Amino acid sequence: MQQLVLAAMHRMRTYRSEPAEAWVIQCEVEAHLQSKVSGSTVRTRLNELVGKGFIEIADRNGLSSTGHRCARYVLAPIGEVAHERDEW
């Protein structure tokens, strides 16, 4: 699932320039899989990828799907390289 989240972040760079909230990333993963995925699954994978340095928290100015403030994420430089080389 970490690889799917990282790949979703990489695909999103082609059409989205600003950082993304977890629910937006979840939608991208679901579109790719053509299946529903738990929001907690995506949030957990994002936290794991932040811990590994592949993704960074850009800010906490995002809005959750319920309208509350939340973190927004971007690919870290190492995440960009790792995905392109499939080395992570």
Protein backbone atom coordinates (compact mmCIF):
# COMPACT_ATOMS: atom_id res chain seq x y z
CA MET A 1 0.00 0.00 0.00
CA GLN A 2 2.92 2.38 0.61
CA GLN A 3 3.97 1.93 -3.00
CA LEU A 4 0.41 2.69 -4.19
CA VAL A 5 0.31 5.89 -2.13
CA LEU A 6 3.74 6.96 -3.38
CA ALA A 7 2.69 6.23 -6.97
CA ALA A 8 -0.52 8.23 -6.47
CA MET A 9 1.48 11.21 -5.24
CA HIS A 10 3.76 10.90 -8.26
CA ARG A 11 0.80 10.77 -10.71
CA MET A 12 -0.86 13.75 -9.04
CA ARG A 13 2.18 15.93 -9.80
CA THR A 14 1.18 15.85 -13.48
CA TYR A 15 -2.07 17.75 -12.84
CA ARG A 16 -1.77 19.27 -9.38
CA SER A 17 0.86 21.80 -8.33
CA GLU A 18 -0.24 22.40 -4.74
CA PRO A 19 0.17 20.00 -1.81
CA ALA A 20 -2.59 17.40 -1.33
CA GLU A 21 -4.73 16.41 1.62
CA ALA A 22 -4.96 12.74 2.60
CA TRP A 23 -8.53 12.44 1.28
CA VAL A 24 -7.42 13.74 -2.14
CA ILE A 25 -4.62 11.17 -2.20
CA GLN A 26 -7.13 8.52 -1.15
CA CYS A 27 -9.32 9.42 -4.15
CA GLU A 28 -6.33 9.03 -6.46
CA VAL A 29 -5.48 5.61 -4.99
CA GLU A 30 -9.11 4.52 -5.34
CA ALA A 31 -9.26 5.71 -8.95
CA HIS A 32 -6.15 3.71 -9.77
CA LEU A 33 -7.38 0.58 -7.99
CA GLN A 34 -10.99 1.08 -9.10
CA SER A 35 -11.94 0.08 -5.57
CA LYS A 36 -12.65 1.78 -2.25
CA VAL A 37 -9.83 2.12 0.29
CA SER A 38 -10.18 3.07 3.93
CA GLY A 39 -9.15 6.62 4.72
CA SER A 40 -7.27 5.40 7.77
CA THR A 41 -5.25 3.05 5.54
CA VAL A 42 -4.07 5.95 3.38
CA ARG A 43 -3.38 8.22 6.38
CA THR A 44 -1.34 5.47 8.04
CA ARG A 45 0.70 4.87 4.87
CA LEU A 46 1.28 8.63 4.54
CA ASN A 47 2.60 8.78 8.11
CA GLU A 48 4.87 5.80 7.44
CA LEU A 49 6.19 7.42 4.25
CA VAL A 50 6.80 10.70 6.11
CA GLY A 51 8.79 8.73 8.68
CA LYS A 52 10.88 7.16 5.91
CA GLY A 53 11.48 10.56 4.28
CA PHE A 54 9.67 9.82 0.99
CA ILE A 55 6.84 12.28 1.64
CA GLU A 56 6.86 15.57 3.56
CA ILE A 57 4.14 17.47 5.37
CA ALA A 58 4.00 20.73 3.42
CA ASP A 59 1.74 22.55 5.89
CA ARG A 60 -1.36 22.12 7.99
CA ASN A 61 -3.54 24.47 5.97
CA GLY A 62 -5.58 21.85 4.16
CA LEU A 63 -9.25 21.04 4.62
CA SER A 64 -10.43 17.54 5.39
CA SER A 65 -13.46 16.08 3.64
CA THR A 66 -15.48 17.23 6.67
CA GLY A 67 -14.13 20.78 6.52
CA HIS A 68 -11.59 20.64 9.35
CA ARG A 69 -7.97 21.75 9.08
CA CYS A 70 -5.54 19.00 8.18
CA ALA A 71 -2.05 18.34 6.88
CA ARG A 72 -1.16 18.62 3.21
CA TYR A 73 1.52 16.39 1.71
CA VAL A 74 4.15 16.66 -1.03
CA LEU A 75 6.70 14.24 -2.42
CA ALA A 76 10.10 14.67 -0.83
CA PRO A 77 13.02 14.78 -3.29
CA ILE A 78 14.01 11.24 -2.29
CA GLY A 79 10.43 10.10 -2.93
CA GLU A 80 10.54 11.46 -6.46
CA VAL A 81 13.78 9.63 -7.22
CA ALA A 82 12.74 6.41 -5.46
CA HIS A 83 9.50 6.18 -7.40
CA GLU A 84 11.16 6.88 -10.74
CA ARG A 85 13.79 4.20 -10.08
CA ASP A 86 11.37 1.90 -8.21
CA GLU A 87 14.00 1.78 -5.46
CA TRP A 88 12.43 2.14 -2.09
